[in-house]
Amino acid sequence: MRQPLQHRSSASAEAMLGATLALLQDGGLGAVTVAAVAQRAGTSNGALYHRFGDRQGLLRAAQERALDAIEAETAAAFVAADAEPDDAVALRLLAGAALRIFTDHRPALRAFLVEAQGDTVLEQRSQVSVHRLATTVTGWLRSRAGASQEQAEASWRIIYAIAVSQSLFDDAQVSPAPLGTEALGDALAAAVGAIVRG
């Protein structure tokens, strides 16, 4: 028995988005071609054009998927931090979560924050997401940790700089001495804590 058309169309779109995100992981934006996505998704070029319009439409949909996931994981991390009564522990939880999110979404961050420079549409959507994250982080630091606006903004910029660095480089490219994620998270939490305490 054949699946209903709407279900097949939805499954095909999901397969194409999954293929796009996998290609981003394999080779960045340059690896995402209509033919490569169609082949990897087991669909036709025509199906991709029908569903997304063109490569740009597909990239916008993949970007939306990736950035929505990052925002959702960030929101969940803040829920967990809010449940922790100790401010220092909550800050360490958030720093660790941030590093996990940066690592888990490295290909999308690299593609949409760095490689997409010059593509106005992709840049604008990335900026919306970055600003949402900035507002979430700075708002939490101000309300929970008593940071001033300036302290919260400085802290966000340090966090964001690490996110961009991790999207571009493996740890071995940054230093010959390895640094584990937990140690980096603790150091990030300590740095933000020092800024907030002034």
N, C-alpha and C. Protein backbone atom coordinates (compact mmCIF):
# COMPACT_ATOMS: atom_id res chain seq x y z
N MET A 1 0.84 -1.18 0.00
CA MET A 1 0.00 0.00 0.00
C MET A 1 0.89 1.25 0.00
N ARG A 2 0.60 2.18 -0.87
CA ARG A 2 1.39 3.41 -0.99
C ARG A 2 1.06 4.37 0.14
N GLN A 3 2.08 5.09 0.58
CA GLN A 3 1.86 6.12 1.59
C GLN A 3 1.16 7.31 0.93
N PRO A 4 0.37 8.05 1.70
CA PRO A 4 -0.27 9.25 1.14
C PRO A 4 0.78 10.22 0.61
N LEU A 5 0.41 10.97 -0.42
CA LEU A 5 1.33 11.89 -1.08
C LEU A 5 1.94 12.89 -0.11
N GLN A 6 1.13 13.44 0.79
CA GLN A 6 1.64 14.43 1.73
C GLN A 6 2.73 13.83 2.62
N HIS A 7 2.53 12.59 3.07
CA HIS A 7 3.53 11.93 3.91
C HIS A 7 4.82 11.69 3.13
N ARG A 8 4.69 11.22 1.88
CA ARG A 8 5.88 10.99 1.05
C ARG A 8 6.62 12.29 0.80
N SER A 9 5.88 13.37 0.53
CA SER A 9 6.49 14.67 0.28
C SER A 9 7.24 15.16 1.51
N SER A 10 6.62 14.99 2.68
CA SER A 10 7.26 15.41 3.93
C SER A 10 8.51 14.58 4.20
N ALA A 11 8.42 13.28 3.97
CA ALA A 11 9.58 12.40 4.18
C ALA A 11 10.70 12.75 3.21
N SER A 12 10.33 13.08 1.97
CA SER A 12 11.33 13.46 0.97
C SER A 12 12.02 14.77 1.37
N ALA A 13 11.24 15.73 1.84
CA ALA A 13 11.82 17.01 2.29
C ALA A 13 12.77 16.78 3.46
N GLU A 14 12.36 15.93 4.40
CA GLU A 14 13.22 15.61 5.55
C GLU A 14 14.52 14.96 5.08
N ALA A 15 14.41 14.06 4.12
CA ALA A 15 15.60 13.39 3.59
C ALA A 15 16.54 14.41 2.93
N MET A 16 15.96 15.37 2.20
CA MET A 16 16.79 16.38 1.54
C MET A 16 17.46 17.30 2.56
N LEU A 17 16.73 17.68 3.61
CA LEU A 17 17.34 18.51 4.65
C LEU A 17 18.44 17.74 5.38
N GLY A 18 18.17 16.48 5.69
CA GLY A 18 19.19 15.65 6.33
C GLY A 18 20.43 15.50 5.46
N ALA A 19 20.22 15.31 4.16
CA ALA A 19 21.34 15.20 3.24
C ALA A 19 22.13 16.51 3.18
N THR A 20 21.42 17.62 3.19
CA THR A 20 22.09 18.93 3.16
C THR A 20 22.96 19.11 4.39
N LEU A 21 22.42 18.81 5.56
CA LEU A 21 23.20 18.97 6.79
C LEU A 21 24.39 18.01 6.82
N ALA A 22 24.21 16.80 6.28
CA ALA A 22 25.33 15.85 6.22
C ALA A 22 26.41 16.36 5.27
N LEU A 23 26.01 16.93 4.15
CA LEU A 23 26.98 17.48 3.21
C LEU A 23 27.72 18.68 3.80
N LEU A 24 27.01 19.48 4.58
CA LEU A 24 27.69 20.59 5.27
C LEU A 24 28.78 20.05 6.18
N GLN A 25 28.50 18.94 6.84
CA GLN A 25 29.49 18.33 7.72
C GLN A 25 30.67 17.81 6.92
N ASP A 26 30.39 17.23 5.77
CA ASP A 26 31.45 16.64 4.96
C ASP A 26 32.34 17.67 4.28
N GLY A 27 31.73 18.79 3.81
CA GLY A 27 32.54 19.71 3.02
C GLY A 27 32.11 21.15 3.02
N GLY A 28 31.23 21.53 3.93
CA GLY A 28 30.80 22.92 4.01
C GLY A 28 29.82 23.30 2.91
N LEU A 29 29.59 24.59 2.77
CA LEU A 29 28.62 25.07 1.79
C LEU A 29 28.95 24.63 0.37
N GLY A 30 30.22 24.57 0.04
CA GLY A 30 30.62 24.18 -1.31
C GLY A 30 30.20 22.77 -1.68
N ALA A 31 30.03 21.91 -0.69
CA ALA A 31 29.64 20.52 -0.96
C ALA A 31 28.14 20.38 -1.23
N VAL A 32 27.38 21.42 -0.91
CA VAL A 32 25.93 21.34 -1.07
C VAL A 32 25.55 21.80 -2.47
N THR A 33 25.42 20.82 -3.36
CA THR A 33 24.91 21.08 -4.71
C THR A 33 23.57 20.36 -4.83
N VAL A 34 22.77 20.80 -5.79
CA VAL A 34 21.47 20.16 -6.00
C VAL A 34 21.67 18.68 -6.29
N ALA A 35 22.61 18.37 -7.16
CA ALA A 35 22.84 16.97 -7.53
C ALA A 35 23.32 16.14 -6.34
N ALA A 36 24.23 16.69 -5.54
CA ALA A 36 24.75 15.94 -4.39
C ALA A 36 23.65 15.69 -3.36
N VAL A 37 22.82 16.69 -3.12
CA VAL A 37 21.72 16.52 -2.15
C VAL A 37 20.73 15.49 -2.67
N ALA A 38 20.35 15.60 -3.93
CA ALA A 38 19.38 14.65 -4.50
C ALA A 38 19.92 13.23 -4.44
N GLN A 39 21.19 13.06 -4.80
CA GLN A 39 21.78 11.72 -4.76
C GLN A 39 21.80 11.17 -3.34
N ARG A 40 22.26 11.97 -2.41
CA ARG A 40 22.37 11.51 -1.02
C ARG A 40 21.00 11.24 -0.40
N ALA A 41 20.00 12.02 -0.80
CA ALA A 41 18.65 11.86 -0.25
C ALA A 41 17.86 10.78 -0.98
N GLY A 42 18.40 10.28 -2.08
CA GLY A 42 17.70 9.27 -2.85
C GLY A 42 16.46 9.82 -3.54
N THR A 43 16.57 11.04 -4.02
CA THR A 43 15.44 11.69 -4.69
C THR A 43 15.96 12.32 -5.98
N SER A 44 15.12 13.06 -6.66
CA SER A 44 15.52 13.66 -7.93
C SER A 44 15.80 15.15 -7.77
N ASN A 45 16.56 15.68 -8.72
CA ASN A 45 16.79 17.13 -8.74
C ASN A 45 15.45 17.87 -8.81
N GLY A 46 14.54 17.35 -9.62
CA GLY A 46 13.23 17.98 -9.78
C GLY A 46 12.46 18.05 -8.48
N ALA A 47 12.56 17.00 -7.67
CA ALA A 47 11.86 17.01 -6.37
C ALA A 47 12.42 18.10 -5.48
N LEU A 48 13.72 18.30 -5.53
CA LEU A 48 14.34 19.35 -4.73
C LEU A 48 13.86 20.72 -5.19
N TYR A 49 13.88 20.93 -6.51
CA TYR A 49 13.42 22.22 -7.04
C TYR A 49 11.95 22.45 -6.71
N HIS A 50 11.16 21.39 -6.79
CA HIS A 50 9.72 21.52 -6.49
C HIS A 50 9.50 21.90 -5.02
N ARG A 51 10.26 21.29 -4.14
CA ARG A 51 10.05 21.51 -2.70
C ARG A 51 10.69 22.81 -2.21
N PHE A 52 11.90 23.12 -2.67
CA PHE A 52 12.66 24.24 -2.11
C PHE A 52 12.90 25.40 -3.10
N GLY A 53 12.55 25.21 -4.35
CA GLY A 53 12.71 26.27 -5.34
C GLY A 53 14.07 26.24 -6.02
N ASP A 54 15.12 26.23 -5.23
CA ASP A 54 16.48 26.20 -5.75
C ASP A 54 17.44 25.89 -4.60
N ARG A 55 18.73 25.90 -4.90
CA ARG A 55 19.74 25.61 -3.88
C ARG A 55 19.64 26.60 -2.73
N GLN A 56 19.42 27.87 -3.04
CA GLN A 56 19.32 28.89 -2.01
C GLN A 56 18.16 28.61 -1.06
N GLY A 57 17.02 28.20 -1.61
CA GLY A 57 15.87 27.86 -0.77
C GLY A 57 16.17 26.67 0.13
N LEU A 58 16.89 25.70 -0.41
CA LEU A 58 17.29 24.54 0.38
C LEU A 58 18.23 24.96 1.50
N LEU A 59 19.20 25.81 1.19
CA LEU A 59 20.13 26.28 2.22
C LEU A 59 19.40 27.06 3.30
N ARG A 60 18.43 27.88 2.91
CA ARG A 60 17.66 28.63 3.92
C ARG A 60 16.90 27.67 4.83
N ALA A 61 16.32 26.63 4.26
CA ALA A 61 15.58 25.66 5.08
C ALA A 61 16.52 24.90 6.00
N ALA A 62 17.69 24.52 5.50
CA ALA A 62 18.67 23.81 6.34
C ALA A 62 19.19 24.73 7.44
N GLN A 63 19.41 25.99 7.10
CA GLN A 63 19.86 26.96 8.10
C GLN A 63 18.80 27.12 9.19
N GLU A 64 17.55 27.23 8.78
CA GLU A 64 16.46 27.36 9.75
C GLU A 64 16.44 26.16 10.68
N ARG A 65 16.58 24.97 10.11
CA ARG A 65 16.58 23.73 10.91
C ARG A 65 17.73 23.75 11.90
N ALA A 66 18.92 24.06 11.44
CA ALA A 66 20.11 24.02 12.30
C ALA A 66 20.05 25.08 13.40
N LEU A 67 19.69 26.30 13.03
CA LEU A 67 19.67 27.37 14.03
C LEU A 67 18.53 27.19 15.02
N ASP A 68 17.40 26.67 14.56
CA ASP A 68 16.31 26.36 15.50
C ASP A 68 16.75 25.32 16.52
N ALA A 69 17.51 24.31 16.07
CA ALA A 69 18.00 23.28 16.99
C ALA A 69 18.96 23.88 18.01
N ILE A 70 19.84 24.76 17.56
CA ILE A 70 20.78 25.42 18.48
C ILE A 70 20.02 26.24 19.50
N GLU A 71 19.04 27.00 19.05
CA GLU A 71 18.25 27.82 19.97
C GLU A 71 17.48 26.96 20.97
N ALA A 72 16.92 25.84 20.50
CA ALA A 72 16.16 24.95 21.40
C ALA A 72 17.08 24.32 22.44
N GLU A 73 18.26 23.88 22.03
CA GLU A 73 19.20 23.29 22.97
C GLU A 73 19.70 24.32 23.97
N THR A 74 19.86 25.55 23.52
CA THR A 74 20.25 26.63 24.41
C THR A 74 19.16 26.89 25.44
N ALA A 75 17.92 26.94 25.00
CA ALA A 75 16.80 27.16 25.92
C ALA A 75 16.74 26.05 26.96
N ALA A 76 16.96 24.80 26.54
CA ALA A 76 16.95 23.68 27.48
C ALA A 76 18.08 23.80 28.49
N ALA A 77 19.24 24.28 28.05
CA ALA A 77 20.37 24.47 28.96
C ALA A 77 20.04 25.52 30.02
N PHE A 78 19.34 26.57 29.63
CA PHE A 78 18.98 27.60 30.59
C PHE A 78 17.92 27.11 31.57
N VAL A 79 17.03 26.24 31.14
CA VAL A 79 16.06 25.64 32.06
C VAL A 79 16.81 24.82 33.11
N ALA A 80 17.79 24.04 32.68
CA ALA A 80 18.58 23.24 33.63
C ALA A 80 19.37 24.15 34.58
N ALA A 81 19.94 25.22 34.05
CA ALA A 81 20.71 26.14 34.90
C ALA A 81 19.80 26.85 35.90
N ASP A 82 18.61 27.21 35.48
CA ASP A 82 17.67 27.88 36.38
C ASP A 82 17.24 26.97 37.53
N ALA A 83 17.27 25.66 37.30
CA ALA A 83 16.89 24.71 38.35
C ALA A 83 18.01 24.51 39.37
N GLU A 84 19.20 24.98 39.06
CA GLU A 84 20.36 24.85 39.95
C GLU A 84 20.42 26.07 40.88
N PRO A 85 20.33 25.85 42.20
CA PRO A 85 20.31 27.00 43.11
C PRO A 85 21.66 27.71 43.26
N ASP A 86 22.75 27.01 43.06
CA ASP A 86 24.08 27.60 43.22
C ASP A 86 24.48 28.31 41.92
N ASP A 87 24.72 29.62 42.01
CA ASP A 87 25.04 30.41 40.82
C ASP A 87 26.30 29.93 40.11
N ALA A 88 27.32 29.59 40.86
CA ALA A 88 28.58 29.15 40.24
C ALA A 88 28.39 27.83 39.50
N VAL A 89 27.63 26.92 40.10
CA VAL A 89 27.35 25.64 39.45
C VAL A 89 26.49 25.87 38.21
N ALA A 90 25.51 26.75 38.31
CA ALA A 90 24.65 27.06 37.17
C ALA A 90 25.48 27.62 36.02
N LEU A 91 26.43 28.47 36.33
CA LEU A 91 27.29 29.05 35.30
C LEU A 91 28.15 27.98 34.65
N ARG A 92 28.67 27.04 35.45
CA ARG A 92 29.45 25.94 34.88
C ARG A 92 28.58 25.05 34.00
N LEU A 93 27.34 24.80 34.42
CA LEU A 93 26.41 24.02 33.60
C LEU A 93 26.20 24.69 32.24
N LEU A 94 26.00 26.00 32.26
CA LEU A 94 25.77 26.72 31.01
C LEU A 94 27.02 26.73 30.13
N ALA A 95 28.18 26.92 30.73
CA ALA A 95 29.42 26.93 29.93
C ALA A 95 29.63 25.57 29.28
N GLY A 96 29.43 24.50 30.04
CA GLY A 96 29.56 23.16 29.48
C GLY A 96 28.56 22.90 28.37
N ALA A 97 27.32 23.34 28.58
CA ALA A 97 26.29 23.17 27.55
C ALA A 97 26.64 23.96 26.30
N ALA A 98 27.14 25.17 26.48
CA ALA A 98 27.51 25.99 25.32
C ALA A 98 28.58 25.28 24.49
N LEU A 99 29.59 24.74 25.15
CA LEU A 99 30.66 24.06 24.42
C LEU A 99 30.14 22.81 23.71
N ARG A 100 29.24 22.08 24.35
CA ARG A 100 28.64 20.91 23.69
C ARG A 100 27.85 21.34 22.45
N ILE A 101 27.08 22.40 22.60
CA ILE A 101 26.29 22.88 21.47
C ILE A 101 27.21 23.32 20.33
N PHE A 102 28.28 24.05 20.66
CA PHE A 102 29.22 24.49 19.63
C PHE A 102 29.83 23.29 18.91
N THR A 103 30.17 22.26 19.67
CA THR A 103 30.78 21.07 19.09
C THR A 103 29.78 20.28 18.25
N ASP A 104 28.60 20.06 18.81
CA ASP A 104 27.59 19.28 18.11
C ASP A 104 27.13 19.93 16.81
N HIS A 105 27.16 21.24 16.76
CA HIS A 105 26.65 21.96 15.59
C HIS A 105 27.77 22.66 14.81
N ARG A 106 28.97 22.16 14.97
CA ARG A 106 30.12 22.80 14.33
C ARG A 106 29.94 23.00 12.82
N PRO A 107 29.52 21.99 12.06
CA PRO A 107 29.38 22.21 10.61
C PRO A 107 28.38 23.32 10.26
N ALA A 108 27.26 23.36 10.96
CA ALA A 108 26.27 24.39 10.67
C ALA A 108 26.77 25.77 11.08
N LEU A 109 27.42 25.85 12.22
CA LEU A 109 27.98 27.13 12.66
C LEU A 109 29.01 27.64 11.66
N ARG A 110 29.89 26.75 11.25
CA ARG A 110 30.92 27.13 10.28
C ARG A 110 30.27 27.60 8.97
N ALA A 111 29.31 26.83 8.50
CA ALA A 111 28.68 27.16 7.22
C ALA A 111 27.91 28.47 7.28
N PHE A 112 27.08 28.62 8.30
CA PHE A 112 26.14 29.74 8.30
C PHE A 112 26.67 31.00 8.99
N LEU A 113 27.65 30.88 9.86
CA LEU A 113 28.23 32.07 10.49
C LEU A 113 29.48 32.55 9.78
N VAL A 114 30.20 31.64 9.13
CA VAL A 114 31.48 32.01 8.54
C VAL A 114 31.43 31.93 7.02
N GLU A 115 31.15 30.75 6.48
CA GLU A 115 31.19 30.56 5.04
C GLU A 115 30.12 31.38 4.31
N ALA A 116 29.02 31.66 4.95
CA ALA A 116 27.91 32.37 4.30
C ALA A 116 28.12 33.88 4.24
N GLN A 117 29.26 34.35 4.72
CA GLN A 117 29.54 35.79 4.65
C GLN A 117 29.42 36.24 3.20
N GLY A 118 28.67 37.31 2.99
CA GLY A 118 28.45 37.81 1.64
C GLY A 118 27.11 37.41 1.07
N ASP A 119 26.46 36.42 1.66
CA ASP A 119 25.11 36.02 1.27
C ASP A 119 24.15 36.72 2.22
N THR A 120 23.56 37.80 1.76
CA THR A 120 22.76 38.67 2.62
C THR A 120 21.64 37.92 3.33
N VAL A 121 20.93 37.06 2.62
CA VAL A 121 19.79 36.36 3.23
C VAL A 121 20.26 35.43 4.34
N LEU A 122 21.29 34.64 4.08
CA LEU A 122 21.79 33.73 5.11
C LEU A 122 22.41 34.51 6.27
N GLU A 123 23.12 35.58 5.96
CA GLU A 123 23.71 36.42 7.02
C GLU A 123 22.63 37.00 7.93
N GLN A 124 21.55 37.49 7.32
CA GLN A 124 20.49 38.11 8.12
C GLN A 124 19.85 37.09 9.06
N ARG A 125 19.59 35.87 8.57
CA ARG A 125 18.98 34.86 9.44
C ARG A 125 19.94 34.45 10.54
N SER A 126 21.22 34.34 10.23
CA SER A 126 22.20 34.02 11.27
C SER A 126 22.25 35.11 12.31
N GLN A 127 22.19 36.36 11.88
CA GLN A 127 22.24 37.47 12.82
C GLN A 127 21.03 37.45 13.75
N VAL A 128 19.86 37.11 13.23
CA VAL A 128 18.67 37.01 14.08
C VAL A 128 18.92 35.98 15.18
N SER A 129 19.46 34.83 14.81
CA SER A 129 19.71 33.78 15.79
C SER A 129 20.78 34.19 16.79
N VAL A 130 21.86 34.78 16.31
CA VAL A 130 22.93 35.22 17.21
C VAL A 130 22.39 36.26 18.19
N HIS A 131 21.58 37.17 17.71
CA HIS A 131 21.02 38.19 18.60
C HIS A 131 20.05 37.58 19.62
N ARG A 132 19.29 36.57 19.21
CA ARG A 132 18.43 35.88 20.18
C ARG A 132 19.27 35.23 21.28
N LEU A 133 20.33 34.56 20.86
CA LEU A 133 21.21 33.93 21.84
C LEU A 133 21.86 34.97 22.74
N ALA A 134 22.29 36.08 22.15
CA ALA A 134 22.91 37.15 22.94
C ALA A 134 21.93 37.69 23.97
N THR A 135 20.69 37.89 23.56
CA THR A 135 19.67 38.41 24.48
C THR A 135 19.40 37.42 25.60
N THR A 136 19.36 36.13 25.26
CA THR A 136 19.14 35.10 26.28
C THR A 136 20.28 35.08 27.29
N VAL A 137 21.51 35.05 26.79
CA VAL A 137 22.68 34.98 27.67
C VAL A 137 22.81 36.24 28.52
N THR A 138 22.75 37.39 27.89
CA THR A 138 22.94 38.63 28.65
C THR A 138 21.79 38.86 29.63
N GLY A 139 20.59 38.50 29.23
CA GLY A 139 19.45 38.64 30.14
C GLY A 139 19.61 37.77 31.37
N TRP A 140 20.06 36.54 31.16
CA TRP A 140 20.26 35.62 32.29
C TRP A 140 21.37 36.15 33.21
N LEU A 141 22.46 36.60 32.62
CA LEU A 141 23.57 37.12 33.44
C LEU A 141 23.13 38.34 34.24
N ARG A 142 22.30 39.16 33.67
CA ARG A 142 21.83 40.35 34.39
C ARG A 142 20.85 39.97 35.50
N SER A 143 19.91 39.09 35.18
CA SER A 143 18.88 38.77 36.18
C SER A 143 19.38 37.78 37.23
N ARG A 144 20.12 36.79 36.83
CA ARG A 144 20.55 35.75 37.77
C ARG A 144 21.84 36.12 38.49
N ALA A 145 22.80 36.67 37.74
CA ALA A 145 24.12 36.93 38.33
C ALA A 145 24.33 38.39 38.71
N GLY A 146 23.37 39.24 38.41
CA GLY A 146 23.49 40.64 38.78
C GLY A 146 24.50 41.42 37.96
N ALA A 147 24.79 40.94 36.76
CA ALA A 147 25.75 41.62 35.89
C ALA A 147 25.17 42.93 35.38
N SER A 148 26.05 43.89 35.17
CA SER A 148 25.64 45.12 34.49
C SER A 148 25.47 44.79 33.00
N GLN A 149 24.84 45.69 32.27
CA GLN A 149 24.69 45.48 30.83
C GLN A 149 26.06 45.32 30.17
N GLU A 150 27.00 46.16 30.56
CA GLU A 150 28.34 46.09 29.97
C GLU A 150 29.03 44.76 30.31
N GLN A 151 28.93 44.31 31.54
CA GLN A 151 29.53 43.03 31.93
C GLN A 151 28.89 41.87 31.17
N ALA A 152 27.57 41.92 31.05
CA ALA A 152 26.86 40.85 30.34
C ALA A 152 27.26 40.83 28.86
N GLU A 153 27.36 42.00 28.26
CA GLU A 153 27.74 42.07 26.84
C GLU A 153 29.18 41.61 26.63
N ALA A 154 30.08 41.98 27.53
CA ALA A 154 31.46 41.52 27.42
C ALA A 154 31.53 40.00 27.55
N SER A 155 30.76 39.45 28.49
CA SER A 155 30.73 38.00 28.67
C SER A 155 30.21 37.30 27.42
N TRP A 156 29.13 37.84 26.85
CA TRP A 156 28.57 37.24 25.63
C TRP A 156 29.61 37.22 24.52
N ARG A 157 30.35 38.29 24.37
CA ARG A 157 31.33 38.36 23.29
C ARG A 157 32.44 37.32 23.46
N ILE A 158 32.81 37.04 24.69
CA ILE A 158 33.80 35.98 24.93
C ILE A 158 33.21 34.62 24.56
N ILE A 159 31.98 34.37 24.97
CA ILE A 159 31.31 33.11 24.64
C ILE A 159 31.19 32.96 23.13
N TYR A 160 30.77 34.03 22.47
CA TYR A 160 30.58 34.00 21.02
C TYR A 160 31.91 33.80 20.29
N ALA A 161 32.96 34.43 20.79
CA ALA A 161 34.28 34.26 20.18
C ALA A 161 34.73 32.80 20.25
N ILE A 162 34.45 32.15 21.35
CA ILE A 162 34.80 30.73 21.47
C ILE A 162 33.95 29.91 20.51
N ALA A 163 32.68 30.25 20.37
CA ALA A 163 31.81 29.53 19.43
C ALA A 163 32.35 29.61 18.01
N VAL A 164 32.72 30.81 17.59
CA VAL A 164 33.24 30.98 16.24
C VAL A 164 34.58 30.26 16.09
N SER A 165 35.43 30.36 17.10
CA SER A 165 36.72 29.67 17.06
C SER A 165 36.51 28.16 16.93
N GLN A 166 35.59 27.62 17.70
CA GLN A 166 35.36 26.18 17.64
C GLN A 166 34.72 25.75 16.33
N SER A 167 34.00 26.66 15.69
CA SER A 167 33.41 26.31 14.40
C SER A 167 34.47 26.30 13.29
N LEU A 168 35.56 26.99 13.51
CA LEU A 168 36.62 27.08 12.50
C LEU A 168 37.76 26.10 12.71
N PHE A 169 38.11 25.83 13.97
CA PHE A 169 39.34 25.10 14.26
C PHE A 169 39.10 23.93 15.20
N ASP A 170 39.86 22.86 14.96
CA ASP A 170 39.94 21.77 15.93
C ASP A 170 40.87 22.23 17.04
N ASP A 171 40.76 21.60 18.20
CA ASP A 171 41.59 21.99 19.33
C ASP A 171 43.08 21.92 18.99
N ALA A 172 43.48 20.91 18.23
CA ALA A 172 44.89 20.75 17.88
C ALA A 172 45.40 21.89 16.99
N GLN A 173 44.51 22.58 16.30
CA GLN A 173 44.91 23.71 15.47
C GLN A 173 45.12 24.98 16.30
N VAL A 174 44.55 24.99 17.50
CA VAL A 174 44.61 26.18 18.36
C VAL A 174 45.87 26.17 19.21
N SER A 175 46.25 24.98 19.71
CA SER A 175 47.40 24.87 20.60
C SER A 175 47.98 23.47 20.52
N PRO A 176 49.29 23.33 20.72
CA PRO A 176 49.87 21.99 20.73
C PRO A 176 49.48 21.20 21.98
N ALA A 177 49.07 21.90 23.03
CA ALA A 177 48.66 21.23 24.28
C ALA A 177 47.15 21.07 24.27
N PRO A 178 46.66 19.83 24.37
CA PRO A 178 45.21 19.63 24.35
C PRO A 178 44.53 20.18 25.60
N LEU A 179 43.29 20.58 25.43
CA LEU A 179 42.48 21.05 26.54
C LEU A 179 41.11 20.41 26.39
N GLY A 180 40.72 19.62 27.38
CA GLY A 180 39.44 18.94 27.33
C GLY A 180 38.27 19.91 27.43
N THR A 181 37.13 19.45 26.97
CA THR A 181 35.93 20.28 26.97
C THR A 181 35.53 20.69 28.38
N GLU A 182 35.65 19.76 29.33
CA GLU A 182 35.28 20.09 30.71
C GLU A 182 36.18 21.18 31.29
N ALA A 183 37.48 21.07 31.04
CA ALA A 183 38.42 22.08 31.53
C ALA A 183 38.16 23.43 30.87
N LEU A 184 37.89 23.41 29.57
CA LEU A 184 37.58 24.66 28.88
C LEU A 184 36.27 25.26 29.40
N GLY A 185 35.28 24.41 29.65
CA GLY A 185 34.02 24.89 30.20
C GLY A 185 34.19 25.52 31.56
N ASP A 186 34.99 24.87 32.42
CA ASP A 186 35.25 25.45 33.75
C ASP A 186 35.97 26.79 33.63
N ALA A 187 36.93 26.88 32.70
CA ALA A 187 37.66 28.13 32.51
C ALA A 187 36.75 29.22 31.97
N LEU A 188 35.87 28.85 31.05
CA LEU A 188 34.91 29.82 30.50
C LEU A 188 33.98 30.33 31.60
N ALA A 189 33.48 29.41 32.42
CA ALA A 189 32.61 29.81 33.53
C ALA A 189 33.36 30.73 34.49
N ALA A 190 34.62 30.41 34.78
CA ALA A 190 35.41 31.25 35.68
C ALA A 190 35.64 32.63 35.09
N ALA A 191 35.91 32.69 33.79
CA ALA A 191 36.14 33.98 33.13
C ALA A 191 34.88 34.84 33.16
N VAL A 192 33.76 34.23 32.83
CA VAL A 192 32.49 34.98 32.86
C VAL A 192 32.18 35.40 34.29
N GLY A 193 32.40 34.49 35.25
CA GLY A 193 32.16 34.83 36.65
C GLY A 193 33.02 36.00 37.11
N ALA A 194 34.28 36.03 36.67
CA ALA A 194 35.18 37.13 37.04
C ALA A 194 34.70 38.45 36.44
N ILE A 195 34.22 38.41 35.22
CA ILE A 195 33.70 39.64 34.59
C ILE A 195 32.48 40.13 35.34
N VAL A 196 31.59 39.22 35.68
CA VAL A 196 30.34 39.59 36.35
C VAL A 196 30.62 40.15 37.75
N ARG A 197 31.60 39.57 38.43
CA ARG A 197 31.93 40.06 39.78
C ARG A 197 32.67 41.40 39.73
N GLY A 198 33.19 41.74 38.54
CA GLY A 198 33.85 43.03 38.36
C GLY A 198 35.15 43.10 39.06
